[in-house]
Amino acid sequence: MRCVLQEGRGKADAIRTALKIVNAQAVVIMDADFTYPANRVFELLSLLGQCDEVIGARLRPEPGAQGLVFKFGNWVLTKFFNLIFGTKISDVLSGMYAVRTEALEGLEKSSQGFGIESEIAAHIVSTGGSICEVPIEYRRRVGRKKLGVRHGLHIAFDMMRLAFRYNPTFFTFLIASLMAIPGLLIAGWVAYRWIFLGVKHYVWGIIGVTLASVGMLSGIMAILSLYLKRMEIRLLRQIKQIAKRRH
């Protein structure tokens, strides 16, 4: 066993330090707070021949191990990740996973704290890698839980940054699509005043229709960019599979 003093502070820097010094084809990362079952490590490693990252999905928590706020936050963040990157992961923020070190080449490592799990998964998916899951148990933490609501907000912010980095077109059009909300509100107000009060607001009507049209068009473009990104990921996976067969 080798004990290394990490660079920086926090979980993300600890994982980055480990990835920098590790000299192996694969690495298993696991929170050391008794919540994750260490006896499932070999099961995770056995599946690395089929995919680039194997996540231990916390689908079998013991009673009291996960609070309702914790479960809901994890569900929302995982769904948000799946929407952005076109995956079908059930627990992207699990603190126990195995990953091929080769699949981490080029990882920019910009997330802080608990967002490192989503960053690793985003990098693997966006570079044509594959992710699979193994259902694992999840126990009560020994000691005080560090993860709180503010950490969830930080993770959500990190995912937004990942969305901009790996799919900037989607992110830009998604933000632009929000213009449809004030546009529809203004258009509805103008229509109400015209129909029921007989008052006409031409300028506001033009502004409302313009904002709503631009917003809805941007929403359509955001959806289109998602499909294009997923097509790119599928093509990258096909190229990787062909390269493996040749070797």
C-alpha atoms as a PDB file:
ATOM      1  CA  MET A   1       0.000   0.000   0.000  1.00  0.00           C
ATOM      2  CA  ARG A   2       1.225   3.485  -0.879  1.00  0.00           C
ATOM      3  CA  CYS A   3      -0.007   6.638   0.867  1.00  0.00           C
ATOM      4  CA  VAL A   4       0.347   9.906  -1.086  1.00  0.00           C
ATOM      5  CA  LEU A   5      -0.234  13.463   0.084  1.00  0.00           C
ATOM      6  CA  GLN A   6      -2.699  14.989  -2.364  1.00  0.00           C
ATOM      7  CA  GLU A   7      -2.165  18.200  -4.278  1.00  0.00           C
ATOM      8  CA  GLY A   8      -4.644  21.000  -3.586  1.00  0.00           C
ATOM      9  CA  ARG A   9      -7.755  20.480  -1.472  1.00  0.00           C
ATOM     10  CA  GLY A  10     -10.983  18.543  -1.710  1.00  0.00           C
ATOM     11  CA  LYS A  11     -12.194  15.419  -3.432  1.00  0.00           C
ATOM     12  CA  ALA A  12     -11.578  16.533  -7.016  1.00  0.00           C
ATOM     13  CA  ASP A  13      -7.936  17.402  -6.354  1.00  0.00           C
ATOM     14  CA  ALA A  14      -7.459  14.107  -4.511  1.00  0.00           C
ATOM     15  CA  ILE A  15      -8.710  12.158  -7.546  1.00  0.00           C
ATOM     16  CA  ARG A  16      -6.582  14.238  -9.915  1.00  0.00           C
ATOM     17  CA  THR A  17      -3.496  13.520  -7.799  1.00  0.00           C
ATOM     18  CA  ALA A  18      -4.249   9.790  -7.907  1.00  0.00           C
ATOM     19  CA  LEU A  19      -4.792   9.792 -11.667  1.00  0.00           C
ATOM     20  CA  LYS A  20      -1.523  11.655 -12.159  1.00  0.00           C
ATOM     21  CA  ILE A  21       0.619   9.091 -10.333  1.00  0.00           C
ATOM     22  CA  VAL A  22      -1.244   5.861 -11.119  1.00  0.00           C
ATOM     23  CA  ASN A  23       0.573   3.444 -13.403  1.00  0.00           C
ATOM     24  CA  ALA A  24      -2.040   0.874 -14.382  1.00  0.00           C
ATOM     25  CA  GLN A  25      -4.480   0.120 -17.168  1.00  0.00           C
ATOM     26  CA  ALA A  26      -7.436   0.730 -14.884  1.00  0.00           C
ATOM     27  CA  VAL A  27      -8.229   2.498 -11.665  1.00  0.00           C
ATOM     28  CA  VAL A  28     -11.024   2.090  -9.116  1.00  0.00           C
ATOM     29  CA  ILE A  29     -12.212   5.195  -7.279  1.00  0.00           C
ATOM     30  CA  MET A  30     -14.294   4.807  -4.134  1.00  0.00           C
ATOM     31  CA  ASP A  31     -15.340   7.115  -1.291  1.00  0.00           C
ATOM     32  CA  ALA A  32     -13.731   5.962   1.953  1.00  0.00           C
ATOM     33  CA  ASP A  33     -16.690   6.652   4.252  1.00  0.00           C
ATOM     34  CA  PHE A  34     -17.985   3.055   4.616  1.00  0.00           C
ATOM     35  CA  THR A  35     -20.979   3.768   2.344  1.00  0.00           C
ATOM     36  CA  TYR A  36     -19.696   1.756  -0.632  1.00  0.00           C
ATOM     37  CA  PRO A  37     -19.113  -2.046  -0.679  1.00  0.00           C
ATOM     38  CA  ALA A  38     -15.443  -2.755  -1.348  1.00  0.00           C
ATOM     39  CA  ASN A  39     -16.248  -6.401  -2.177  1.00  0.00           C
ATOM     40  CA  ARG A  40     -17.759  -5.237  -5.516  1.00  0.00           C
ATOM     41  CA  VAL A  41     -14.446  -3.876  -6.829  1.00  0.00           C
ATOM     42  CA  PHE A  42     -13.585  -6.993  -8.827  1.00  0.00           C
ATOM     43  CA  GLU A  43     -17.049  -7.026 -10.375  1.00  0.00           C
ATOM     44  CA  LEU A  44     -16.517  -3.478 -11.610  1.00  0.00           C
ATOM     45  CA  LEU A  45     -13.102  -4.335 -13.022  1.00  0.00           C
ATOM     46  CA  SER A  46     -14.426  -7.442 -14.791  1.00  0.00           C
ATOM     47  CA  LEU A  47     -16.708  -5.290 -16.960  1.00  0.00           C
ATOM     48  CA  LEU A  48     -14.005  -2.888 -18.150  1.00  0.00           C
ATOM     49  CA  GLY A  49     -13.452  -5.113 -21.154  1.00  0.00           C
ATOM     50  CA  GLN A  50     -16.953  -4.170 -22.327  1.00  0.00           C
ATOM     51  CA  CYS A  51     -16.902  -0.423 -21.584  1.00  0.00           C
ATOM     52  CA  ASP A  52     -14.549   2.375 -20.577  1.00  0.00           C
ATOM     53  CA  GLU A  53     -16.160   3.211 -17.234  1.00  0.00           C
ATOM     54  CA  VAL A  54     -18.185   1.038 -14.889  1.00  0.00           C
ATOM     55  CA  ILE A  55     -20.249   2.915 -12.327  1.00  0.00           C
ATOM     56  CA  GLY A  56     -21.474   1.320  -9.132  1.00  0.00           C
ATOM     57  CA  ALA A  57     -25.067   2.551  -9.230  1.00  0.00           C
ATOM     58  CA  ARG A  58     -26.548   3.029  -5.772  1.00  0.00           C
ATOM     59  CA  LEU A  59     -29.764   1.182  -6.501  1.00  0.00           C
ATOM     60  CA  ARG A  60     -29.786  -0.885  -3.304  1.00  0.00           C
ATOM     61  CA  PRO A  61     -29.483   1.615  -0.433  1.00  0.00           C
ATOM     62  CA  GLU A  62     -30.093   0.411   3.082  1.00  0.00           C
ATOM     63  CA  PRO A  63     -32.871   2.177   5.038  1.00  0.00           C
ATOM     64  CA  GLY A  64     -31.821   5.668   6.094  1.00  0.00           C
ATOM     65  CA  ALA A  65     -28.706   5.775   3.934  1.00  0.00           C
ATOM     66  CA  GLN A  66     -30.194   8.332   1.521  1.00  0.00           C
ATOM     67  CA  GLY A  67     -32.540  11.134   2.564  1.00  0.00           C
ATOM     68  CA  LEU A  68     -35.378  12.308   0.325  1.00  0.00           C
ATOM     69  CA  VAL A  69     -33.579  15.555  -0.563  1.00  0.00           C
ATOM     70  CA  PHE A  70     -30.443  13.588  -1.401  1.00  0.00           C
ATOM     71  CA  LYS A  71     -32.372  11.146  -3.609  1.00  0.00           C
ATOM     72  CA  PHE A  72     -34.282  13.889  -5.408  1.00  0.00           C
ATOM     73  CA  GLY A  73     -31.160  15.979  -6.005  1.00  0.00           C
ATOM     74  CA  ASN A  74     -29.247  13.003  -7.363  1.00  0.00           C
ATOM     75  CA  TRP A  75     -32.187  12.082  -9.626  1.00  0.00           C
ATOM     76  CA  VAL A  76     -32.473  15.631 -11.018  1.00  0.00           C
ATOM     77  CA  LEU A  77     -28.734  15.968 -11.669  1.00  0.00           C
ATOM     78  CA  THR A  78     -28.537  12.541 -13.307  1.00  0.00           C
ATOM     79  CA  LYS A  79     -31.516  13.326 -15.557  1.00  0.00           C
ATOM     80  CA  PHE A  80     -29.925  16.651 -16.476  1.00  0.00           C
ATOM     81  CA  PHE A  81     -26.674  14.869 -17.365  1.00  0.00           C
ATOM     82  CA  ASN A  82     -28.534  12.297 -19.469  1.00  0.00           C
ATOM     83  CA  LEU A  83     -30.334  15.076 -21.343  1.00  0.00           C
ATOM     84  CA  ILE A  84     -27.130  16.913 -22.169  1.00  0.00           C
ATOM     85  CA  PHE A  85     -24.981  13.933 -23.134  1.00  0.00           C
ATOM     86  CA  GLY A  86     -27.573  11.497 -24.454  1.00  0.00           C
ATOM     87  CA  THR A  87     -26.821   8.786 -21.905  1.00  0.00           C
ATOM     88  CA  LYS A  88     -29.065   6.462 -19.891  1.00  0.00           C
ATOM     89  CA  ILE A  89     -27.124   6.448 -16.644  1.00  0.00           C
ATOM     90  CA  SER A  90     -29.054   5.934 -13.420  1.00  0.00           C
ATOM     91  CA  ASP A  91     -26.465   7.296 -10.957  1.00  0.00           C
ATOM     92  CA  VAL A  92     -23.821   9.507 -12.573  1.00  0.00           C
ATOM     93  CA  LEU A  93     -22.696  10.928  -9.203  1.00  0.00           C
ATOM     94  CA  SER A  94     -21.857   7.606  -7.576  1.00  0.00           C
ATOM     95  CA  GLY A  95     -18.610   7.742  -5.638  1.00  0.00           C
ATOM     96  CA  MET A  96     -17.583   4.215  -6.666  1.00  0.00           C
ATOM     97  CA  TYR A  97     -16.513   3.466 -10.225  1.00  0.00           C
ATOM     98  CA  ALA A  98     -13.808   1.793 -12.285  1.00  0.00           C
ATOM     99  CA  VAL A  99     -12.346   3.457 -15.345  1.00  0.00           C
ATOM    100  CA  ARG A 100      -9.734   2.654 -17.958  1.00  0.00           C
ATOM    101  CA  THR A 101      -6.862   5.134 -17.591  1.00  0.00           C
ATOM    102  CA  GLU A 102      -6.522   5.322 -21.377  1.00  0.00           C
ATOM    103  CA  ALA A 103     -10.060   6.732 -21.574  1.00  0.00           C
ATOM    104  CA  LEU A 104      -9.041   9.661 -19.349  1.00  0.00           C
ATOM    105  CA  GLU A 105      -6.442  11.032 -21.756  1.00  0.00           C
ATOM    106  CA  GLY A 106      -7.180  14.667 -22.499  1.00  0.00           C
ATOM    107  CA  LEU A 107      -9.348  15.169 -19.424  1.00  0.00           C
ATOM    108  CA  GLU A 108      -9.210  18.915 -18.703  1.00  0.00           C
ATOM    109  CA  LYS A 109     -10.034  18.547 -15.013  1.00  0.00           C
ATOM    110  CA  SER A 110     -11.816  21.803 -14.266  1.00  0.00           C
ATOM    111  CA  SER A 111     -14.642  20.672 -11.956  1.00  0.00           C
ATOM    112  CA  GLN A 112     -14.349  21.214  -8.236  1.00  0.00           C
ATOM    113  CA  GLY A 113     -15.367  18.995  -5.339  1.00  0.00           C
ATOM    114  CA  PHE A 114     -18.109  16.456  -6.001  1.00  0.00           C
ATOM    115  CA  GLY A 115     -18.489  17.452  -9.681  1.00  0.00           C
ATOM    116  CA  ILE A 116     -15.471  15.367 -10.671  1.00  0.00           C
ATOM    117  CA  GLU A 117     -17.623  12.246 -11.237  1.00  0.00           C
ATOM    118  CA  SER A 118     -19.803  13.993 -13.826  1.00  0.00           C
ATOM    119  CA  GLU A 119     -16.717  15.486 -15.493  1.00  0.00           C
ATOM    120  CA  ILE A 120     -15.095  12.079 -15.939  1.00  0.00           C
ATOM    121  CA  ALA A 121     -18.322  10.599 -17.310  1.00  0.00           C
ATOM    122  CA  ALA A 122     -18.828  13.581 -19.648  1.00  0.00           C
ATOM    123  CA  HIS A 123     -15.300  13.282 -21.008  1.00  0.00           C
ATOM    124  CA  ILE A 124     -15.629   9.554 -21.653  1.00  0.00           C
ATOM    125  CA  VAL A 125     -18.994   9.863 -23.404  1.00  0.00           C
ATOM    126  CA  SER A 126     -17.993  12.903 -25.470  1.00  0.00           C
ATOM    127  CA  THR A 127     -14.846  11.206 -26.755  1.00  0.00           C
ATOM    128  CA  GLY A 128     -16.745   8.143 -27.955  1.00  0.00           C
ATOM    129  CA  GLY A 129     -16.285   6.001 -24.875  1.00  0.00           C
ATOM    130  CA  SER A 130     -18.964   3.867 -23.266  1.00  0.00           C
ATOM    131  CA  ILE A 131     -20.294   3.663 -19.715  1.00  0.00           C
ATOM    132  CA  CYS A 132     -22.066   0.767 -18.032  1.00  0.00           C
ATOM    133  CA  GLU A 133     -23.372   0.257 -14.503  1.00  0.00           C
ATOM    134  CA  VAL A 134     -23.480  -2.375 -11.793  1.00  0.00           C
ATOM    135  CA  PRO A 135     -26.163  -2.144  -9.076  1.00  0.00           C
ATOM    136  CA  ILE A 136     -24.476  -1.922  -5.678  1.00  0.00           C
ATOM    137  CA  GLU A 137     -25.472  -1.568  -2.044  1.00  0.00           C
ATOM    138  CA  TYR A 138     -25.199   1.777  -0.280  1.00  0.00           C
ATOM    139  CA  ARG A 139     -24.743   1.924   3.499  1.00  0.00           C
ATOM    140  CA  ARG A 140     -25.146   4.601   6.121  1.00  0.00           C
ATOM    141  CA  ARG A 141     -22.151   6.898   6.319  1.00  0.00           C
ATOM    142  CA  VAL A 142     -19.835   6.607   9.304  1.00  0.00           C
ATOM    143  CA  GLY A 143     -19.579  10.149  10.669  1.00  0.00           C
ATOM    144  CA  ARG A 144     -21.191  13.380   9.503  1.00  0.00           C
ATOM    145  CA  LYS A 145     -22.309  13.639   5.873  1.00  0.00           C
ATOM    146  CA  LYS A 146     -20.434  16.400   4.021  1.00  0.00           C
ATOM    147  CA  LEU A 147     -22.682  16.584   0.953  1.00  0.00           C
ATOM    148  CA  GLY A 148     -25.360  19.276   1.248  1.00  0.00           C
ATOM    149  CA  VAL A 149     -27.699  21.358  -0.900  1.00  0.00           C
ATOM    150  CA  ARG A 150     -24.973  23.849  -1.781  1.00  0.00           C
ATOM    151  CA  HIS A 151     -22.833  21.008  -3.133  1.00  0.00           C
ATOM    152  CA  GLY A 152     -25.727  19.985  -5.375  1.00  0.00           C
ATOM    153  CA  LEU A 153     -25.886  23.524  -6.742  1.00  0.00           C
ATOM    154  CA  HIS A 154     -22.130  23.460  -7.386  1.00  0.00           C
ATOM    155  CA  ILE A 155     -22.486  20.147  -9.229  1.00  0.00           C
ATOM    156  CA  ALA A 156     -25.326  21.560 -11.350  1.00  0.00           C
ATOM    157  CA  PHE A 157     -23.130  24.555 -12.202  1.00  0.00           C
ATOM    158  CA  ASP A 158     -20.265  22.230 -13.122  1.00  0.00           C
ATOM    159  CA  MET A 159     -22.607  20.306 -15.426  1.00  0.00           C
ATOM    160  CA  MET A 160     -23.586  23.557 -17.126  1.00  0.00           C
ATOM    161  CA  ARG A 161     -19.907  24.269 -17.726  1.00  0.00           C
ATOM    162  CA  LEU A 162     -19.445  20.754 -19.074  1.00  0.00           C
ATOM    163  CA  ALA A 163     -22.407  21.282 -21.411  1.00  0.00           C
ATOM    164  CA  PHE A 164     -20.811  24.455 -22.744  1.00  0.00           C
ATOM    165  CA  ARG A 165     -17.431  22.761 -23.158  1.00  0.00           C
ATOM    166  CA  TYR A 166     -18.589  19.569 -24.882  1.00  0.00           C
ATOM    167  CA  ASN A 167     -21.690  20.874 -26.678  1.00  0.00           C
ATOM    168  CA  PRO A 168     -21.548  24.694 -26.844  1.00  0.00           C
ATOM    169  CA  THR A 169     -24.146  24.857 -29.620  1.00  0.00           C
ATOM    170  CA  PHE A 170     -26.765  23.162 -27.453  1.00  0.00           C
ATOM    171  CA  PHE A 171     -25.936  25.329 -24.460  1.00  0.00           C
ATOM    172  CA  THR A 172     -26.104  28.572 -26.459  1.00  0.00           C
ATOM    173  CA  PHE A 173     -29.417  27.736 -28.121  1.00  0.00           C
ATOM    174  CA  LEU A 174     -30.833  26.471 -24.813  1.00  0.00           C
ATOM    175  CA  ILE A 175     -30.125  29.831 -23.166  1.00  0.00           C
ATOM    176  CA  ALA A 176     -31.525  31.678 -26.193  1.00  0.00           C
ATOM    177  CA  SER A 177     -34.710  29.589 -26.058  1.00  0.00           C
ATOM    178  CA  LEU A 178     -35.541  31.207 -22.699  1.00  0.00           C
ATOM    179  CA  MET A 179     -36.502  34.323 -24.644  1.00  0.00           C
ATOM    180  CA  ALA A 180     -39.725  32.515 -25.522  1.00  0.00           C
ATOM    181  CA  ILE A 181     -40.962  32.893 -21.934  1.00  0.00           C
ATOM    182  CA  PRO A 182     -41.098  36.719 -21.770  1.00  0.00           C
ATOM    183  CA  GLY A 183     -42.136  36.762 -25.439  1.00  0.00           C
ATOM    184  CA  LEU A 184     -45.206  34.609 -24.806  1.00  0.00           C
ATOM    185  CA  LEU A 185     -46.089  36.595 -21.685  1.00  0.00           C
ATOM    186  CA  ILE A 186     -45.904  39.889 -23.569  1.00  0.00           C
ATOM    187  CA  ALA A 187     -47.835  38.495 -26.546  1.00  0.00           C
ATOM    188  CA  GLY A 188     -50.511  37.115 -24.217  1.00  0.00           C
ATOM    189  CA  TRP A 189     -50.850  40.457 -22.428  1.00  0.00           C
ATOM    190  CA  VAL A 190     -51.143  42.317 -25.767  1.00  0.00           C
ATOM    191  CA  ALA A 191     -53.756  39.827 -27.014  1.00  0.00           C
ATOM    192  CA  TYR A 192     -55.770  40.154 -23.793  1.00  0.00           C
ATOM    193  CA  ARG A 193     -55.762  43.955 -23.970  1.00  0.00           C
ATOM    194  CA  TRP A 194     -56.798  43.890 -27.628  1.00  0.00           C
ATOM    195  CA  ILE A 195     -59.564  41.252 -27.353  1.00  0.00           C
ATOM    196  CA  PHE A 196     -61.175  42.237 -24.064  1.00  0.00           C
ATOM    197  CA  LEU A 197     -60.364  45.960 -23.723  1.00  0.00           C
ATOM    198  CA  GLY A 198     -59.976  47.017 -27.329  1.00  0.00           C
ATOM    199  CA  VAL A 199     -56.565  48.562 -26.612  1.00  0.00           C
ATOM    200  CA  LYS A 200     -53.877  47.955 -29.213  1.00  0.00           C
ATOM    201  CA  HIS A 201     -50.141  47.858 -28.446  1.00  0.00           C
ATOM    202  CA  TYR A 202     -48.382  47.479 -31.786  1.00  0.00           C
ATOM    203  CA  VAL A 203     -44.809  47.925 -30.542  1.00  0.00           C
ATOM    204  CA  TRP A 204     -45.243  45.556 -27.611  1.00  0.00           C
ATOM    205  CA  GLY A 205     -46.958  43.091 -29.919  1.00  0.00           C
ATOM    206  CA  ILE A 206     -43.984  43.105 -32.286  1.00  0.00           C
ATOM    207  CA  ILE A 207     -41.572  42.691 -29.372  1.00  0.00           C
ATOM    208  CA  GLY A 208     -43.571  39.795 -27.917  1.00  0.00           C
ATOM    209  CA  VAL A 209     -43.933  37.938 -31.213  1.00  0.00           C
ATOM    210  CA  THR A 210     -40.244  38.460 -32.033  1.00  0.00           C
ATOM    211  CA  LEU A 211     -39.020  37.178 -28.668  1.00  0.00           C
ATOM    212  CA  ALA A 212     -41.372  34.198 -28.765  1.00  0.00           C
ATOM    213  CA  SER A 213     -40.371  33.306 -32.339  1.00  0.00           C
ATOM    214  CA  VAL A 214     -36.638  33.576 -31.675  1.00  0.00           C
ATOM    215  CA  GLY A 215     -36.993  31.596 -28.449  1.00  0.00           C
ATOM    216  CA  MET A 216     -38.982  28.759 -30.023  1.00  0.00           C
ATOM    217  CA  LEU A 217     -36.621  28.610 -33.004  1.00  0.00           C
ATOM    218  CA  SER A 218     -33.665  28.459 -30.611  1.00  0.00           C
ATOM    219  CA  GLY A 219     -35.371  25.613 -28.737  1.00  0.00           C
ATOM    220  CA  ILE A 220     -35.721  23.676 -31.978  1.00  0.00           C
ATOM    221  CA  MET A 221     -32.048  24.307 -32.775  1.00  0.00           C
ATOM    222  CA  ALA A 222     -31.049  23.144 -29.266  1.00  0.00           C
ATOM    223  CA  ILE A 223     -32.903  19.857 -29.799  1.00  0.00           C
ATOM    224  CA  LEU A 224     -31.294  19.473 -33.221  1.00  0.00           C
ATOM    225  CA  SER A 225     -27.829  20.064 -31.748  1.00  0.00           C
ATOM    226  CA  LEU A 226     -28.485  17.302 -29.198  1.00  0.00           C
ATOM    227  CA  TYR A 227     -29.252  14.823 -31.970  1.00  0.00           C
ATOM    228  CA  LEU A 228     -26.166  15.916 -33.906  1.00  0.00           C
ATOM    229  CA  LYS A 229     -23.995  15.503 -30.800  1.00  0.00           C
ATOM    230  CA  ARG A 230     -25.379  12.028 -30.187  1.00  0.00           C
ATOM    231  CA  MET A 231     -24.709  11.142 -33.812  1.00  0.00           C
ATOM    232  CA  GLU A 232     -21.131  12.340 -33.357  1.00  0.00           C
ATOM    233  CA  ILE A 233     -20.742  10.172 -30.262  1.00  0.00           C
ATOM    234  CA  ARG A 234     -22.089   7.117 -32.102  1.00  0.00           C
ATOM    235  CA  LEU A 235     -19.661   7.716 -34.979  1.00  0.00           C
ATOM    236  CA  LEU A 236     -16.739   8.026 -32.563  1.00  0.00           C
ATOM    237  CA  ARG A 237     -17.721   4.728 -30.937  1.00  0.00           C
ATOM    238  CA  GLN A 238     -17.888   3.010 -34.309  1.00  0.00           C
ATOM    239  CA  ILE A 239     -14.442   4.343 -35.208  1.00  0.00           C
ATOM    240  CA  LYS A 240     -13.037   3.088 -31.897  1.00  0.00           C
ATOM    241  CA  GLN A 241     -14.567  -0.345 -32.414  1.00  0.00           C
ATOM    242  CA  ILE A 242     -13.101  -0.594 -35.912  1.00  0.00           C
ATOM    243  CA  ALA A 243      -9.686   0.442 -34.573  1.00  0.00           C
ATOM    244  CA  LYS A 244      -9.853  -2.239 -31.858  1.00  0.00           C
ATOM    245  CA  ARG A 245     -10.729  -4.940 -34.397  1.00  0.00           C
ATOM    246  CA  ARG A 246      -7.734  -4.021 -36.519  1.00  0.00           C
ATOM    247  CA  HIS A 247      -5.439  -4.338 -33.540  1.00  0.00           C
END
